[in-house]
Amino acid sequence: MSVAAAAERLRIDELAQRSGLASGTIRFYQREGLIPPPERDGRVAYYSEEHVRRLERVRALQGQGLPLSVVGDLLAREDAGEDIAGWLALDSAVFGRLTVEEPVEELTARLVELGVSQATIDAGAELIAARLKEVAATMAGLGWEVFAEERERIAAGEQVPEDVLARFEHLRSLAQRIVGTLFRELFDEAIRERTEPFAEEAAARRRKRK
């Protein structure tokens, strides 16, 4: 093996540090075929600068709001020599979306690393999605009432104020901040509800052993 080849060999923790991704996320991407398999020397897996560049490309595509299934397809096209710039420009113009998939995958990978079963994660994700859908529907209902006057103007065939979209964006931003703030408070409260009884019980057991 050449000196240059040996120098670029990275273990999974080194690749995680270079890429800014958790080891579990890298393994998940590998299972999904987004990055090539590592070189193996016995039981040790070694990655290279190619993997670093590939992960940077994956993150760049995800940063445009693309789900992993689309990212994988685009990478395959790119590997085959296809220019995907036009497709990306069209997708951005049509959808202009931001993604929440990357943090969700990051959380899933970390939970798996910590020993949480996939069945438990899936059940929790399903419950969270259902509850968040209820929250979104409630917030949308409130927003629907906020724009009651505009709805009446549309129904009457009258002109709608030009700032209606800007007001809608402001309302959506406000709703996101409200939900984020409430979630942090409720999450902290839920953690306390679980940890305080546990701490008291543990302290009681220690006192009994003395």
Protein backbone atom coordinates (compact mmCIF):
# COMPACT_ATOMS: atom_id res chain seq x y z
CA MET A 1 0.00 0.00 0.00
CA SER A 2 1.31 3.45 -0.92
CA VAL A 3 1.93 6.14 1.69
CA ALA A 4 -0.78 8.33 0.11
CA ALA A 5 -3.33 5.50 0.20
CA ALA A 6 -2.56 4.75 3.83
CA ALA A 7 -2.79 8.42 4.78
CA GLU A 8 -6.33 8.77 3.45
CA ARG A 9 -7.69 5.72 5.27
CA LEU A 10 -10.20 6.81 7.88
CA ARG A 11 -11.97 4.84 10.57
CA ILE A 12 -15.67 5.47 11.10
CA ASP A 13 -15.10 7.86 14.02
CA GLU A 14 -12.58 9.85 11.97
CA LEU A 15 -15.01 10.03 9.05
CA ALA A 16 -17.74 11.18 11.44
CA GLN A 17 -15.48 13.96 12.69
CA ARG A 18 -14.52 15.03 9.18
CA SER A 19 -18.08 14.99 7.85
CA GLY A 20 -19.88 16.32 10.92
CA LEU A 21 -22.27 13.36 10.86
CA ALA A 22 -22.88 10.76 13.54
CA SER A 23 -21.38 7.30 12.97
CA GLY A 24 -24.86 5.82 13.01
CA THR A 25 -25.98 8.22 10.28
CA ILE A 26 -23.01 7.23 8.11
CA ARG A 27 -23.83 3.55 8.56
CA PHE A 28 -27.47 4.31 7.70
CA TYR A 29 -26.40 6.09 4.48
CA GLN A 30 -24.21 3.11 3.66
CA ARG A 31 -27.11 0.69 4.13
CA GLU A 32 -29.22 2.90 1.85
CA GLY A 33 -26.54 2.78 -0.84
CA LEU A 34 -25.80 6.51 -0.71
CA ILE A 35 -22.09 5.94 -0.09
CA PRO A 36 -19.93 3.05 -1.28
CA PRO A 37 -18.95 0.32 1.17
CA PRO A 38 -15.68 0.82 3.05
CA GLU A 39 -12.50 -1.11 2.47
CA ARG A 40 -12.05 -3.82 5.07
CA ASP A 41 -8.84 -4.97 6.68
CA GLY A 42 -9.88 -7.91 8.81
CA ARG A 43 -12.73 -6.68 11.01
CA VAL A 44 -11.79 -2.99 10.67
CA ALA A 45 -13.58 -0.81 8.10
CA TYR A 46 -11.61 1.97 6.45
CA TYR A 47 -13.08 4.94 4.59
CA SER A 48 -11.36 7.39 2.24
CA GLU A 49 -11.50 10.96 0.98
CA GLU A 50 -13.99 9.69 -1.58
CA HIS A 51 -16.41 8.97 1.27
CA VAL A 52 -15.83 12.45 2.71
CA ARG A 53 -16.69 14.06 -0.63
CA ARG A 54 -19.68 11.76 -1.10
CA LEU A 55 -21.12 12.66 2.30
CA GLU A 56 -20.64 16.35 1.50
CA ARG A 57 -22.59 15.81 -1.71
CA VAL A 58 -25.38 13.98 0.12
CA ARG A 59 -25.70 16.82 2.62
CA ALA A 60 -25.67 19.42 -0.16
CA LEU A 61 -28.53 17.67 -1.95
CA GLN A 62 -30.46 17.25 1.28
CA GLY A 63 -29.95 20.94 1.93
CA GLN A 64 -32.15 21.58 -1.11
CA GLY A 65 -35.02 19.79 0.59
CA LEU A 66 -34.72 16.49 -1.26
CA PRO A 67 -35.73 13.22 0.41
CA LEU A 68 -33.11 10.49 0.54
CA SER A 69 -34.85 8.44 -2.14
CA VAL A 70 -34.45 11.33 -4.59
CA VAL A 71 -30.88 12.02 -3.39
CA GLY A 72 -29.95 8.42 -4.14
CA ASP A 73 -31.48 8.60 -7.62
CA LEU A 74 -29.69 11.87 -8.42
CA LEU A 75 -26.35 10.52 -7.21
CA ALA A 76 -26.79 7.46 -9.42
CA ARG A 77 -27.50 9.72 -12.40
CA GLU A 78 -24.51 11.87 -11.57
CA ASP A 79 -22.29 8.80 -11.26
CA ALA A 80 -23.47 7.77 -14.72
CA GLY A 81 -22.27 11.10 -16.11
CA GLU A 82 -25.63 12.86 -16.28
CA ASP A 83 -25.78 16.61 -15.56
CA ILE A 84 -28.39 17.02 -12.82
CA ALA A 85 -28.10 20.81 -12.49
CA GLY A 86 -31.19 21.43 -14.62
CA TRP A 87 -33.26 18.98 -12.58
CA LEU A 88 -32.21 20.63 -9.33
CA ALA A 89 -33.07 24.09 -10.64
CA LEU A 90 -36.51 22.91 -11.75
CA ASP A 91 -37.20 21.16 -8.44
CA SER A 92 -36.16 24.25 -6.47
CA ALA A 93 -38.35 26.52 -8.60
CA VAL A 94 -41.40 24.27 -8.35
CA PHE A 95 -41.20 23.18 -4.73
CA GLY A 96 -38.78 25.55 -3.00
CA ARG A 97 -39.05 23.34 0.04
CA LEU A 98 -37.03 22.90 3.18
CA THR A 99 -36.58 19.47 4.68
CA VAL A 100 -36.94 18.00 8.13
CA GLU A 101 -35.81 14.57 6.99
CA GLU A 102 -32.13 14.99 7.87
CA PRO A 103 -32.67 15.74 11.59
CA VAL A 104 -35.25 12.94 11.76
CA GLU A 105 -32.73 10.49 10.30
CA GLU A 106 -30.06 11.86 12.65
CA LEU A 107 -32.34 11.26 15.64
CA THR A 108 -33.26 7.78 14.40
CA ALA A 109 -29.60 6.85 13.94
CA ARG A 110 -28.69 8.08 17.42
CA LEU A 111 -31.59 6.20 19.01
CA VAL A 112 -30.53 3.00 17.25
CA GLU A 113 -26.95 3.55 18.44
CA LEU A 114 -28.26 3.91 22.01
CA GLY A 115 -30.03 0.57 21.79
CA VAL A 116 -33.61 1.66 21.13
CA SER A 117 -35.37 -0.94 18.99
CA GLN A 118 -36.59 0.00 15.52
CA ALA A 119 -40.11 -1.10 16.46
CA THR A 120 -40.15 1.33 19.38
CA ILE A 121 -38.82 4.14 17.17
CA ASP A 122 -41.43 3.43 14.47
CA ALA A 123 -44.27 3.39 17.01
CA GLY A 124 -43.08 6.64 18.54
CA ALA A 125 -42.69 8.28 15.13
CA GLU A 126 -46.20 7.23 14.14
CA LEU A 127 -47.67 8.67 17.33
CA ILE A 128 -45.69 11.91 17.01
CA ALA A 129 -46.74 12.32 13.36
CA ALA A 130 -50.40 11.85 14.29
CA ARG A 131 -50.24 14.37 17.14
CA LEU A 132 -48.30 16.91 15.04
CA LYS A 133 -50.91 16.57 12.31
CA GLU A 134 -53.55 17.53 14.89
CA VAL A 135 -51.47 20.53 15.96
CA ALA A 136 -50.95 21.62 12.35
CA ALA A 137 -54.68 21.30 11.61
CA THR A 138 -55.51 23.40 14.68
CA MET A 139 -53.01 26.11 13.74
CA ALA A 140 -54.30 26.09 10.15
CA GLY A 141 -57.82 26.53 11.48
CA LEU A 142 -56.74 29.59 13.43
CA GLY A 143 -55.03 30.97 10.35
CA TRP A 144 -58.17 30.33 8.31
CA GLU A 145 -60.08 32.62 10.67
CA VAL A 146 -57.35 35.28 10.53
CA PHE A 147 -57.86 35.55 6.77
CA ALA A 148 -61.67 35.56 6.95
CA GLU A 149 -61.84 39.04 5.40
CA GLU A 150 -59.64 38.02 2.49
CA ARG A 151 -61.76 34.93 1.89
CA GLU A 152 -64.87 37.10 1.70
CA ARG A 153 -63.16 39.38 -0.83
CA ILE A 154 -62.15 36.40 -2.97
CA ALA A 155 -65.71 35.05 -2.85
CA ALA A 156 -67.02 38.47 -3.91
CA GLY A 157 -64.54 38.71 -6.75
CA GLU A 158 -62.76 41.66 -5.17
CA GLN A 159 -59.04 42.35 -5.26
CA VAL A 160 -57.00 40.87 -2.41
CA PRO A 161 -54.32 43.08 -0.76
CA GLU A 162 -50.83 42.49 -2.15
CA ASP A 163 -49.40 41.88 1.32
CA VAL A 164 -51.60 38.84 1.98
CA LEU A 165 -48.78 36.35 1.17
CA ALA A 166 -46.32 38.26 3.36
CA ARG A 167 -48.86 38.18 6.20
CA PHE A 168 -49.34 34.47 5.68
CA GLU A 169 -45.58 33.85 5.87
CA HIS A 170 -45.43 35.93 9.05
CA LEU A 171 -48.28 33.89 10.54
CA ARG A 172 -46.55 30.63 9.64
CA SER A 173 -43.27 31.82 11.17
CA LEU A 174 -45.11 32.86 14.33
CA ALA A 175 -46.87 29.49 14.54
CA GLN A 176 -43.52 27.67 14.22
CA ARG A 177 -42.01 29.75 17.03
CA ILE A 178 -45.01 29.15 19.27
CA VAL A 179 -44.95 25.39 18.67
CA GLY A 180 -41.18 25.27 19.19
CA THR A 181 -41.37 27.18 22.48
CA LEU A 182 -44.26 25.12 23.81
CA PHE A 183 -42.53 21.90 22.81
CA ARG A 184 -39.37 22.78 24.73
CA GLU A 185 -41.39 23.62 27.84
CA LEU A 186 -43.60 20.53 27.61
CA PHE A 187 -40.62 18.29 26.85
CA ASP A 188 -38.74 19.56 29.91
CA GLU A 189 -41.86 19.02 32.01
CA ALA A 190 -42.28 15.47 30.68
CA ILE A 191 -38.65 14.68 31.50
CA ARG A 192 -39.08 16.02 35.05
CA GLU A 193 -42.23 13.93 35.52
CA ARG A 194 -40.19 10.82 34.78
CA THR A 195 -36.88 11.64 36.43
CA GLU A 196 -38.09 13.07 39.74
CA PRO A 197 -40.01 9.94 40.87
CA PHE A 198 -37.10 7.78 39.70
CA ALA A 199 -34.61 9.89 41.67
CA GLU A 200 -36.77 9.75 44.78
CA GLU A 201 -37.17 5.98 44.47
CA ALA A 202 -33.43 5.50 43.94
CA ALA A 203 -32.67 7.66 46.99
CA ALA A 204 -35.14 5.65 49.08
CA ARG A 205 -33.46 2.39 48.05
CA ARG A 206 -30.05 3.76 48.98
CA ARG A 207 -31.33 4.82 52.42
CA LYS A 208 -32.72 1.32 53.02
CA ARG A 209 -29.35 -0.26 52.21
CA LYS A 210 -27.55 1.92 54.77
